[in-house]
Amino acid sequence: MASGGIVVPSYGYLTDVAQLAKKRTGALLVMDEVTTGFGRTGKMFAFEHAGIEPDIIAVSKGLTSGYLPLGAVIASDALYDGFLGSNQSGRAFSNAYTYGGHPVSCAVALATLDVMEEEAILDNVGAVGGHLYRKLCDLKDSTSSIGDIRGMGLLYGIELVDRNGVPVPGETGKAVSAAALADGLIVRALGSMSHVLVLVPPLILDIQGADRIVAKLGAAIDRVMTSRN
């Protein structure tokens, strides 16, 4: 979803993939929630929006709120139980790596999960994320330089286009990113898809902060696009 330009798959598509994997092929359903997990889309995990249940979930980043590095693989009970046994049984899952289970990172992860619950972070993402999306759509309606706004929760991609609706060259997106940064706003131009600006604000963002983001983003786009037209 993220590195591909913030493309949100339809819930129907995800449901069909899940049914195909589980009912027709017996394949394991694996979800990559490294970017979208832990509240980024308004639910704890993005797959919850589609009402599906993966067998394996890959997570990181938001698990510790970015304070320390930590990744994890979450498996279903059925998959986990398949590895229960002694070393002699040949069933035990004995994989490990150097910093696996680092106690400080794990403590930060537990603290992060406590804060998310105690401060109702998911509720905030839903409320402020909806407001941010509406403001971004208003910005799109006010300029011909934005072709699409896509995302959910507090994760959005803003596609920059020229007067003919064609995606702008990558250097233009990078120029907008630099102009926004000069005004205190971090918005990322996506590597090989640098015409798409990625907006990933903190999950504690409030309404006033969302308004400032859109205002600064609009000003940066206007400055760069006006100078290049």
C-alpha atoms as a PDB file:
ATOM      1  CA  MET A   1       0.000   0.000   0.000  1.00  0.00           C
ATOM      2  CA  ALA A   2       2.697   2.505   0.980  1.00  0.00           C
ATOM      3  CA  SER A   3       5.662   2.040  -1.347  1.00  0.00           C
ATOM      4  CA  GLY A   4       3.353   1.533  -4.332  1.00  0.00           C
ATOM      5  CA  GLY A   5       2.056   5.089  -4.073  1.00  0.00           C
ATOM      6  CA  ILE A   6      -0.506   4.751  -1.261  1.00  0.00           C
ATOM      7  CA  VAL A   7      -2.896   2.628  -3.307  1.00  0.00           C
ATOM      8  CA  VAL A   8      -5.759   1.359  -1.139  1.00  0.00           C
ATOM      9  CA  PRO A   9      -7.134  -2.006  -2.302  1.00  0.00           C
ATOM     10  CA  SER A  10     -10.891  -2.438  -2.278  1.00  0.00           C
ATOM     11  CA  TYR A  11     -12.343  -4.428   0.601  1.00  0.00           C
ATOM     12  CA  GLY A  12     -13.976  -6.748  -1.924  1.00  0.00           C
ATOM     13  CA  TYR A  13     -10.611  -7.517  -3.487  1.00  0.00           C
ATOM     14  CA  LEU A  14      -9.056  -8.388  -0.133  1.00  0.00           C
ATOM     15  CA  THR A  15     -12.056 -10.539   0.792  1.00  0.00           C
ATOM     16  CA  ASP A  16     -11.807 -12.455  -2.487  1.00  0.00           C
ATOM     17  CA  VAL A  17      -8.061 -12.994  -2.006  1.00  0.00           C
ATOM     18  CA  ALA A  18      -8.661 -14.291   1.521  1.00  0.00           C
ATOM     19  CA  GLN A  19     -11.359 -16.688   0.350  1.00  0.00           C
ATOM     20  CA  LEU A  20      -9.207 -17.890  -2.533  1.00  0.00           C
ATOM     21  CA  ALA A  21      -6.279 -18.558  -0.210  1.00  0.00           C
ATOM     22  CA  LYS A  22      -8.172 -20.292   2.562  1.00  0.00           C
ATOM     23  CA  LYS A  23     -11.034 -22.089   0.864  1.00  0.00           C
ATOM     24  CA  ARG A  24      -9.739 -22.960  -2.593  1.00  0.00           C
ATOM     25  CA  THR A  25      -5.966 -23.345  -2.371  1.00  0.00           C
ATOM     26  CA  GLY A  26      -5.226 -23.827   1.317  1.00  0.00           C
ATOM     27  CA  ALA A  27      -2.445 -21.248   1.078  1.00  0.00           C
ATOM     28  CA  LEU A  28      -1.444 -19.196   4.097  1.00  0.00           C
ATOM     29  CA  LEU A  29      -2.693 -15.620   4.051  1.00  0.00           C
ATOM     30  CA  VAL A  30       0.154 -13.254   4.994  1.00  0.00           C
ATOM     31  CA  MET A  31      -0.433  -9.527   5.613  1.00  0.00           C
ATOM     32  CA  ASP A  32       2.346  -6.934   5.643  1.00  0.00           C
ATOM     33  CA  GLU A  33       1.317  -4.384   8.284  1.00  0.00           C
ATOM     34  CA  VAL A  34       4.752  -2.827   8.788  1.00  0.00           C
ATOM     35  CA  THR A  35       3.516   0.594   7.660  1.00  0.00           C
ATOM     36  CA  THR A  36      -0.204   0.283   8.293  1.00  0.00           C
ATOM     37  CA  GLY A  37      -0.259  -1.549  11.618  1.00  0.00           C
ATOM     38  CA  PHE A  38      -0.920  -0.150  15.091  1.00  0.00           C
ATOM     39  CA  GLY A  39      -3.481   2.507  14.308  1.00  0.00           C
ATOM     40  CA  ARG A  40      -2.169   4.155  11.160  1.00  0.00           C
ATOM     41  CA  THR A  41      -5.400   3.537   9.204  1.00  0.00           C
ATOM     42  CA  GLY A  42      -7.823   4.047  12.082  1.00  0.00           C
ATOM     43  CA  LYS A  43      -7.916   0.411  13.180  1.00  0.00           C
ATOM     44  CA  MET A  44      -5.205  -1.546  14.938  1.00  0.00           C
ATOM     45  CA  PHE A  45      -4.461  -3.328  11.647  1.00  0.00           C
ATOM     46  CA  ALA A  46      -5.493  -2.316   8.141  1.00  0.00           C
ATOM     47  CA  PHE A  47      -6.853  -5.751   7.245  1.00  0.00           C
ATOM     48  CA  GLU A  48      -9.589  -5.271   9.857  1.00  0.00           C
ATOM     49  CA  HIS A  49     -11.321  -2.820   7.517  1.00  0.00           C
ATOM     50  CA  ALA A  50     -11.996  -5.758   5.187  1.00  0.00           C
ATOM     51  CA  GLY A  51     -13.144  -8.113   7.950  1.00  0.00           C
ATOM     52  CA  ILE A  52     -10.622 -10.834   7.105  1.00  0.00           C
ATOM     53  CA  GLU A  53      -8.332 -12.962   9.285  1.00  0.00           C
ATOM     54  CA  PRO A  54      -4.779 -13.568   8.040  1.00  0.00           C
ATOM     55  CA  ASP A  55      -2.663 -16.497   9.160  1.00  0.00           C
ATOM     56  CA  ILE A  56       0.489 -14.391   9.546  1.00  0.00           C
ATOM     57  CA  ILE A  57       0.952 -10.658  10.164  1.00  0.00           C
ATOM     58  CA  ALA A  58       4.327  -8.924   9.763  1.00  0.00           C
ATOM     59  CA  VAL A  59       4.629  -5.843  11.980  1.00  0.00           C
ATOM     60  CA  SER A  60       7.220  -3.233  12.969  1.00  0.00           C
ATOM     61  CA  LYS A  61       7.556   0.596  13.109  1.00  0.00           C
ATOM     62  CA  GLY A  62       4.354   1.564  14.932  1.00  0.00           C
ATOM     63  CA  LEU A  63       4.845  -1.266  17.412  1.00  0.00           C
ATOM     64  CA  THR A  64       7.278   0.960  19.333  1.00  0.00           C
ATOM     65  CA  SER A  65       5.983   4.279  17.985  1.00  0.00           C
ATOM     66  CA  GLY A  66       9.355   4.573  16.250  1.00  0.00           C
ATOM     67  CA  TYR A  67      11.345   5.120  19.439  1.00  0.00           C
ATOM     68  CA  LEU A  68      13.342   1.890  19.090  1.00  0.00           C
ATOM     69  CA  PRO A  69      13.539  -0.711  16.306  1.00  0.00           C
ATOM     70  CA  LEU A  70      11.415  -3.810  16.789  1.00  0.00           C
ATOM     71  CA  GLY A  71       9.741  -6.206  14.404  1.00  0.00           C
ATOM     72  CA  ALA A  72       7.476  -9.156  15.052  1.00  0.00           C
ATOM     73  CA  VAL A  73       5.588 -11.904  13.269  1.00  0.00           C
ATOM     74  CA  ILE A  74       2.119 -12.639  14.603  1.00  0.00           C
ATOM     75  CA  ALA A  75       0.726 -16.079  13.768  1.00  0.00           C
ATOM     76  CA  SER A  76      -2.679 -17.670  14.157  1.00  0.00           C
ATOM     77  CA  ASP A  77      -3.209 -20.193  16.950  1.00  0.00           C
ATOM     78  CA  ALA A  78      -3.405 -23.045  14.442  1.00  0.00           C
ATOM     79  CA  LEU A  79      -0.071 -22.114  12.891  1.00  0.00           C
ATOM     80  CA  TYR A  80       1.574 -21.510  16.273  1.00  0.00           C
ATOM     81  CA  ASP A  81       0.366 -24.839  17.666  1.00  0.00           C
ATOM     82  CA  GLY A  82       1.965 -26.627  14.723  1.00  0.00           C
ATOM     83  CA  PHE A  83       5.407 -25.741  16.071  1.00  0.00           C
ATOM     84  CA  LEU A  84       4.817 -26.739  19.686  1.00  0.00           C
ATOM     85  CA  GLY A  85       7.119 -29.524  20.814  1.00  0.00           C
ATOM     86  CA  SER A  86      10.543 -30.326  22.176  1.00  0.00           C
ATOM     87  CA  ASN A  87      13.760 -29.953  20.240  1.00  0.00           C
ATOM     88  CA  GLN A  88      13.872 -33.730  19.970  1.00  0.00           C
ATOM     89  CA  SER A  89      10.451 -33.829  18.307  1.00  0.00           C
ATOM     90  CA  GLY A  90      11.677 -31.859  15.293  1.00  0.00           C
ATOM     91  CA  ARG A  91       8.671 -29.534  15.539  1.00  0.00           C
ATOM     92  CA  ALA A  92      10.136 -26.661  17.555  1.00  0.00           C
ATOM     93  CA  PHE A  93      10.692 -23.413  15.659  1.00  0.00           C
ATOM     94  CA  SER A  94      14.286 -22.639  16.608  1.00  0.00           C
ATOM     95  CA  ASN A  95      15.011 -19.590  14.439  1.00  0.00           C
ATOM     96  CA  ALA A  96      16.664 -16.615  16.155  1.00  0.00           C
ATOM     97  CA  TYR A  97      18.682 -13.514  15.331  1.00  0.00           C
ATOM     98  CA  THR A  98      21.169 -11.374  17.236  1.00  0.00           C
ATOM     99  CA  TYR A  99      18.846  -8.789  18.772  1.00  0.00           C
ATOM    100  CA  GLY A 100      15.727 -10.942  18.903  1.00  0.00           C
ATOM    101  CA  GLY A 101      13.461 -10.154  21.832  1.00  0.00           C
ATOM    102  CA  HIS A 102      15.556  -7.165  22.929  1.00  0.00           C
ATOM    103  CA  PRO A 103      14.146  -6.350  26.401  1.00  0.00           C
ATOM    104  CA  VAL A 104      14.274  -2.554  26.062  1.00  0.00           C
ATOM    105  CA  SER A 105      12.554  -2.549  22.661  1.00  0.00           C
ATOM    106  CA  CYS A 106       9.935  -4.956  23.973  1.00  0.00           C
ATOM    107  CA  ALA A 107       9.331  -2.719  27.005  1.00  0.00           C
ATOM    108  CA  VAL A 108       8.826   0.267  24.674  1.00  0.00           C
ATOM    109  CA  ALA A 109       6.359  -1.764  22.619  1.00  0.00           C
ATOM    110  CA  LEU A 110       4.331  -2.644  25.711  1.00  0.00           C
ATOM    111  CA  ALA A 111       4.323   0.999  26.806  1.00  0.00           C
ATOM    112  CA  THR A 112       3.202   2.063  23.318  1.00  0.00           C
ATOM    113  CA  LEU A 113       0.282  -0.366  23.389  1.00  0.00           C
ATOM    114  CA  ASP A 114      -0.714   0.922  26.849  1.00  0.00           C
ATOM    115  CA  VAL A 115      -0.732   4.533  25.607  1.00  0.00           C
ATOM    116  CA  MET A 116      -2.777   3.603  22.547  1.00  0.00           C
ATOM    117  CA  GLU A 117      -5.448   2.115  24.784  1.00  0.00           C
ATOM    118  CA  GLU A 118      -5.373   4.652  27.601  1.00  0.00           C
ATOM    119  CA  GLU A 119      -5.448   7.696  25.311  1.00  0.00           C
ATOM    120  CA  ALA A 120      -7.908   6.258  22.770  1.00  0.00           C
ATOM    121  CA  ILE A 121      -5.463   6.768  19.903  1.00  0.00           C
ATOM    122  CA  LEU A 122      -7.579   4.805  17.411  1.00  0.00           C
ATOM    123  CA  ASP A 123     -10.552   7.080  18.056  1.00  0.00           C
ATOM    124  CA  ASN A 124      -8.360  10.122  17.436  1.00  0.00           C
ATOM    125  CA  VAL A 125      -7.043   8.720  14.168  1.00  0.00           C
ATOM    126  CA  GLY A 126     -10.586   8.099  12.976  1.00  0.00           C
ATOM    127  CA  ALA A 127     -11.827  11.568  13.860  1.00  0.00           C
ATOM    128  CA  VAL A 128      -8.822  13.656  12.820  1.00  0.00           C
ATOM    129  CA  GLY A 129      -8.064  11.432   9.827  1.00  0.00           C
ATOM    130  CA  GLY A 130     -11.538  12.037   8.453  1.00  0.00           C
ATOM    131  CA  HIS A 131     -11.120  15.788   8.875  1.00  0.00           C
ATOM    132  CA  LEU A 132      -7.699  15.711   7.223  1.00  0.00           C
ATOM    133  CA  TYR A 133      -9.066  13.792   4.237  1.00  0.00           C
ATOM    134  CA  ARG A 134     -11.873  16.298   3.744  1.00  0.00           C
ATOM    135  CA  LYS A 135      -9.430  19.204   3.890  1.00  0.00           C
ATOM    136  CA  LEU A 136      -7.127  17.487   1.395  1.00  0.00           C
ATOM    137  CA  CYS A 137     -10.078  16.965  -0.939  1.00  0.00           C
ATOM    138  CA  ASP A 138     -10.936  20.675  -0.603  1.00  0.00           C
ATOM    139  CA  LEU A 139      -7.321  21.455  -1.541  1.00  0.00           C
ATOM    140  CA  LYS A 140      -7.595  19.163  -4.566  1.00  0.00           C
ATOM    141  CA  ASP A 141     -10.768  20.948  -5.684  1.00  0.00           C
ATOM    142  CA  SER A 142      -9.018  24.311  -5.449  1.00  0.00           C
ATOM    143  CA  THR A 143      -6.104  23.475  -7.766  1.00  0.00           C
ATOM    144  CA  SER A 144      -5.425  21.639 -11.009  1.00  0.00           C
ATOM    145  CA  SER A 145      -2.063  20.449  -9.652  1.00  0.00           C
ATOM    146  CA  ILE A 146      -3.500  17.544  -7.639  1.00  0.00           C
ATOM    147  CA  GLY A 147      -4.782  14.550  -9.556  1.00  0.00           C
ATOM    148  CA  ASP A 148      -5.739  12.229  -6.726  1.00  0.00           C
ATOM    149  CA  ILE A 149      -5.937  11.988  -2.946  1.00  0.00           C
ATOM    150  CA  ARG A 150      -5.817   8.429  -1.639  1.00  0.00           C
ATOM    151  CA  GLY A 151      -5.330   6.754   1.693  1.00  0.00           C
ATOM    152  CA  MET A 152      -7.121   6.317   4.996  1.00  0.00           C
ATOM    153  CA  GLY A 153      -6.731   7.211   8.646  1.00  0.00           C
ATOM    154  CA  LEU A 154      -3.530   9.231   8.907  1.00  0.00           C
ATOM    155  CA  LEU A 155      -1.775   7.924   5.801  1.00  0.00           C
ATOM    156  CA  TYR A 156      -2.303   9.740   2.494  1.00  0.00           C
ATOM    157  CA  GLY A 157      -0.768  10.018  -0.936  1.00  0.00           C
ATOM    158  CA  ILE A 158      -1.151  13.269  -2.886  1.00  0.00           C
ATOM    159  CA  GLU A 159      -0.603  12.811  -6.617  1.00  0.00           C
ATOM    160  CA  LEU A 160       0.823  15.839  -8.422  1.00  0.00           C
ATOM    161  CA  VAL A 161      -0.154  16.392 -12.059  1.00  0.00           C
ATOM    162  CA  ASP A 162       0.355  19.024 -14.746  1.00  0.00           C
ATOM    163  CA  ARG A 163      -2.348  21.053 -16.499  1.00  0.00           C
ATOM    164  CA  ASN A 164      -3.214  18.038 -18.676  1.00  0.00           C
ATOM    165  CA  GLY A 165      -3.622  15.693 -15.729  1.00  0.00           C
ATOM    166  CA  VAL A 166      -0.343  13.898 -16.430  1.00  0.00           C
ATOM    167  CA  PRO A 167       1.875  13.003 -13.442  1.00  0.00           C
ATOM    168  CA  VAL A 168       4.623  15.587 -13.027  1.00  0.00           C
ATOM    169  CA  PRO A 169       8.339  14.654 -13.321  1.00  0.00           C
ATOM    170  CA  GLY A 170       9.906  13.252 -10.192  1.00  0.00           C
ATOM    171  CA  GLU A 171      12.046  16.305  -9.593  1.00  0.00           C
ATOM    172  CA  THR A 172       8.895  18.431  -9.301  1.00  0.00           C
ATOM    173  CA  GLY A 173       7.585  16.264  -6.483  1.00  0.00           C
ATOM    174  CA  LYS A 174      10.947  16.482  -4.749  1.00  0.00           C
ATOM    175  CA  ALA A 175      10.887  20.261  -5.147  1.00  0.00           C
ATOM    176  CA  VAL A 176       7.465  20.416  -3.464  1.00  0.00           C
ATOM    177  CA  SER A 177       8.781  18.208  -0.664  1.00  0.00           C
ATOM    178  CA  ALA A 178      11.754  20.554  -0.175  1.00  0.00           C
ATOM    179  CA  ALA A 179       9.513  23.642  -0.231  1.00  0.00           C
ATOM    180  CA  ALA A 180       7.234  22.118   2.398  1.00  0.00           C
ATOM    181  CA  LEU A 181      10.209  21.175   4.579  1.00  0.00           C
ATOM    182  CA  ALA A 182      11.484  24.751   4.424  1.00  0.00           C
ATOM    183  CA  ASP A 183       8.131  25.741   5.962  1.00  0.00           C
ATOM    184  CA  GLY A 184       8.325  23.085   8.681  1.00  0.00           C
ATOM    185  CA  LEU A 185       6.244  20.361   7.042  1.00  0.00           C
ATOM    186  CA  ILE A 186       7.657  16.901   6.343  1.00  0.00           C
ATOM    187  CA  VAL A 187       6.062  15.303   3.292  1.00  0.00           C
ATOM    188  CA  ARG A 188       7.917  12.624   1.368  1.00  0.00           C
ATOM    189  CA  ALA A 189       8.298  12.318  -2.392  1.00  0.00           C
ATOM    190  CA  LEU A 190       8.162   8.573  -3.060  1.00  0.00           C
ATOM    191  CA  GLY A 191      11.399   7.387  -4.689  1.00  0.00           C
ATOM    192  CA  SER A 192      10.556   6.055  -8.145  1.00  0.00           C
ATOM    193  CA  MET A 193       7.082   7.547  -7.756  1.00  0.00           C
ATOM    194  CA  SER A 194       8.193  11.020  -6.717  1.00  0.00           C
ATOM    195  CA  HIS A 195       5.086  12.619  -8.210  1.00  0.00           C
ATOM    196  CA  VAL A 196       3.235  11.158  -5.210  1.00  0.00           C
ATOM    197  CA  LEU A 197       3.724  12.997  -1.917  1.00  0.00           C
ATOM    198  CA  VAL A 198       3.292  10.810   1.147  1.00  0.00           C
ATOM    199  CA  LEU A 199       1.792  12.334   4.272  1.00  0.00           C
ATOM    200  CA  VAL A 200       2.243  10.336   7.502  1.00  0.00           C
ATOM    201  CA  PRO A 201       1.453  12.641  10.449  1.00  0.00           C
ATOM    202  CA  PRO A 202       1.650  11.512  14.090  1.00  0.00           C
ATOM    203  CA  LEU A 203      -1.313   9.593  15.447  1.00  0.00           C
ATOM    204  CA  ILE A 204      -1.873  12.266  18.117  1.00  0.00           C
ATOM    205  CA  LEU A 205      -2.505  14.931  15.464  1.00  0.00           C
ATOM    206  CA  ASP A 206      -5.356  17.305  16.327  1.00  0.00           C
ATOM    207  CA  ILE A 207      -7.762  19.262  14.111  1.00  0.00           C
ATOM    208  CA  GLN A 208      -5.701  22.447  14.257  1.00  0.00           C
ATOM    209  CA  GLY A 209      -2.571  20.533  13.285  1.00  0.00           C
ATOM    210  CA  ALA A 210      -4.381  18.950  10.345  1.00  0.00           C
ATOM    211  CA  ASP A 211      -5.450  22.391   9.135  1.00  0.00           C
ATOM    212  CA  ARG A 212      -1.869  23.671   9.348  1.00  0.00           C
ATOM    213  CA  ILE A 213      -0.600  20.677   7.380  1.00  0.00           C
ATOM    214  CA  VAL A 214      -3.017  21.283   4.526  1.00  0.00           C
ATOM    215  CA  ALA A 215      -2.293  25.012   4.474  1.00  0.00           C
ATOM    216  CA  LYS A 216       1.483  24.485   4.333  1.00  0.00           C
ATOM    217  CA  LEU A 217       1.153  21.720   1.738  1.00  0.00           C
ATOM    218  CA  GLY A 218      -1.073  23.869  -0.445  1.00  0.00           C
ATOM    219  CA  ALA A 219       1.330  26.797  -0.234  1.00  0.00           C
ATOM    220  CA  ALA A 220       4.326  24.572  -1.167  1.00  0.00           C
ATOM    221  CA  ILE A 221       2.496  23.077  -4.148  1.00  0.00           C
ATOM    222  CA  ASP A 222       1.414  26.505  -5.338  1.00  0.00           C
ATOM    223  CA  ARG A 223       4.921  27.983  -5.070  1.00  0.00           C
ATOM    224  CA  VAL A 224       6.598  25.166  -6.988  1.00  0.00           C
ATOM    225  CA  MET A 225       3.932  24.582  -9.627  1.00  0.00           C
ATOM    226  CA  THR A 226       3.534  28.316 -10.355  1.00  0.00           C
ATOM    227  CA  SER A 227       7.275  28.687 -10.882  1.00  0.00           C
ATOM    228  CA  ARG A 228       7.328  25.726 -13.292  1.00  0.00           C
ATOM    229  CA  ASN A 229       4.291  26.554 -15.417  1.00  0.00           C
END
